[in-house]
C-alpha cells in the first residue's frame, strides 16, 4: 500500500522520508491524520527557538521506536510543512503507519 505522506521508502538509506504538517502548541502530542496529503502531527511545544522541531523529532523517535538521532528534519526548519527522514528498516517503519490508514488516528 502506498501511503501518500511517505515521500520515499529508501532501502539504500535504510529509512523513510515523510511529508509532515506540524501543529505546535497543542494540548497533546499525536499523529492526527492527513491534511492535503501530508501526515499531520501535533506537539505540545510552541514554535519558539526550535522547540517544536525538537519535540517533533522526539515524538517521532518514540513513535517509530528509534533513537532521537535517527530522526532528521531535511527541509522546513522554519515552516509548518516539513520533510523528515527516519532512519531504520523502511518496511518496519512504514508498517507502524498502516494502522493510521486502516483504523484512523486515535483508534
Protein backbone atom coordinates (compact mmCIF):
# COMPACT_ATOMS: atom_id res chain seq x y z
CA UNK A 1 0.00 0.00 0.00
CA UNK A 2 1.39 3.40 -0.99
CA UNK A 3 0.81 5.89 1.80
CA UNK A 4 0.57 9.46 0.40
CA UNK A 5 2.70 11.09 3.08
CA UNK A 6 5.65 8.72 2.59
CA UNK A 7 7.79 10.52 0.05
CA UNK A 8 10.21 7.62 -0.18
CA UNK A 9 10.97 4.28 1.39
CA UNK A 10 14.64 4.07 0.52
CA UNK A 11 16.38 0.75 1.18
CA UNK A 12 19.73 2.34 0.23
CA UNK A 13 19.41 4.91 3.03
CA UNK A 14 17.63 2.39 5.26
CA UNK A 15 14.72 4.58 6.25
CA UNK A 16 11.66 6.53 5.14
CA UNK A 17 11.11 10.15 4.22
CA UNK A 18 7.85 11.68 5.43
CA UNK A 19 5.88 14.74 4.35
CA UNK A 20 4.62 16.28 7.62
CA UNK A 21 2.38 19.18 8.57
CA UNK A 22 3.29 20.24 12.12
CA UNK A 23 0.84 21.80 14.55
CA UNK A 24 2.78 23.22 17.54
CA UNK A 25 1.32 24.37 20.86
CA UNK A 26 -1.30 21.61 21.10
CA UNK A 27 -2.68 20.12 24.29
CA UNK A 28 -1.05 16.76 23.50
CA UNK A 29 1.41 15.24 21.03
CA UNK A 30 -0.08 12.86 18.47
CA UNK A 31 -0.39 11.90 14.84
CA UNK A 32 -3.85 13.19 13.99
CA UNK A 33 -4.36 12.17 10.37
CA UNK A 34 -3.87 13.57 6.90
CA UNK A 35 -4.05 17.15 5.67
CA UNK A 36 -3.62 17.76 1.93
CA UNK A 37 -1.56 14.58 1.54
CA UNK A 38 0.68 15.40 4.50
CA UNK A 39 0.85 13.47 7.76
CA UNK A 40 -0.48 15.90 10.37
CA UNK A 41 1.40 15.77 13.68
CA UNK A 42 0.67 17.92 16.70
CA UNK A 43 3.13 18.59 19.51
CA UNK A 44 2.79 20.40 22.83
CA UNK A 45 5.89 22.56 22.38
CA UNK A 46 5.48 26.02 20.91
CA UNK A 47 7.30 27.12 17.79
CA UNK A 48 9.90 29.14 19.67
CA UNK A 49 13.66 28.68 19.25
CA UNK A 50 13.29 25.27 17.59
CA UNK A 51 11.41 23.71 20.49
CA UNK A 52 8.57 22.44 18.28
CA UNK A 53 11.10 20.84 15.89
CA UNK A 54 12.84 19.16 18.81
CA UNK A 55 9.51 17.93 20.15
CA UNK A 56 8.58 16.58 16.70
CA UNK A 57 11.84 14.62 16.46
CA UNK A 58 11.42 13.25 19.98
CA UNK A 59 7.79 12.29 19.33
CA UNK A 60 8.60 10.54 16.03
CA UNK A 61 11.58 8.74 17.60
CA UNK A 62 9.29 7.40 20.31
CA UNK A 63 6.52 6.54 17.85
CA UNK A 64 8.84 4.63 15.49
CA UNK A 65 10.91 3.19 18.36
CA UNK A 66 14.20 4.59 17.06
CA UNK A 67 16.83 6.83 18.64
CA UNK A 68 16.35 10.60 18.56
CA UNK A 69 19.42 10.89 16.32
CA UNK A 70 17.61 8.69 13.75
CA UNK A 71 15.03 11.43 13.06
CA UNK A 72 16.27 14.29 10.88
CA UNK A 73 14.38 17.31 9.57
CA UNK A 74 15.58 17.50 5.97
CA UNK A 75 13.54 20.53 4.92
CA UNK A 76 11.23 23.02 6.64
CA UNK A 77 13.12 24.01 9.81
CA UNK A 78 11.14 27.27 9.98
CA UNK A 79 7.92 26.08 8.34
CA UNK A 80 4.98 24.01 9.49
CA UNK A 81 5.42 21.86 6.37
CA UNK A 82 8.42 19.59 6.88
CA UNK A 83 10.26 16.79 5.18
CA UNK A 84 11.55 14.35 7.81
CA UNK A 85 13.85 11.36 7.33
CA UNK A 86 13.51 8.50 9.83
CA UNK A 87 16.42 6.08 9.77
CA UNK A 88 15.62 2.42 10.33
CA UNK A 89 14.20 -0.53 8.46
CA UNK A 90 11.87 1.16 5.97
CA UNK A 91 9.33 -1.66 5.86
CA UNK A 92 9.13 -1.81 9.66
CA UNK A 93 8.74 1.96 9.91
CA UNK A 94 6.07 2.02 7.21
CA UNK A 95 4.21 -0.81 8.94
CA UNK A 96 3.84 1.41 12.04
CA UNK A 97 1.86 3.88 9.88
CA UNK A 98 -0.52 1.42 8.21
CA UNK A 99 -2.91 1.32 11.21
CA UNK A 100 -3.44 5.07 10.75
CA UNK A 101 -4.93 4.35 7.32
CA UNK A 102 -6.80 1.17 8.29
CA UNK A 103 -8.20 2.33 11.65
CA UNK A 104 -7.69 6.09 11.62
CA UNK A 105 -5.69 8.08 14.17
CA UNK A 106 -6.61 7.69 17.79
CA UNK A 107 -8.37 4.35 17.21
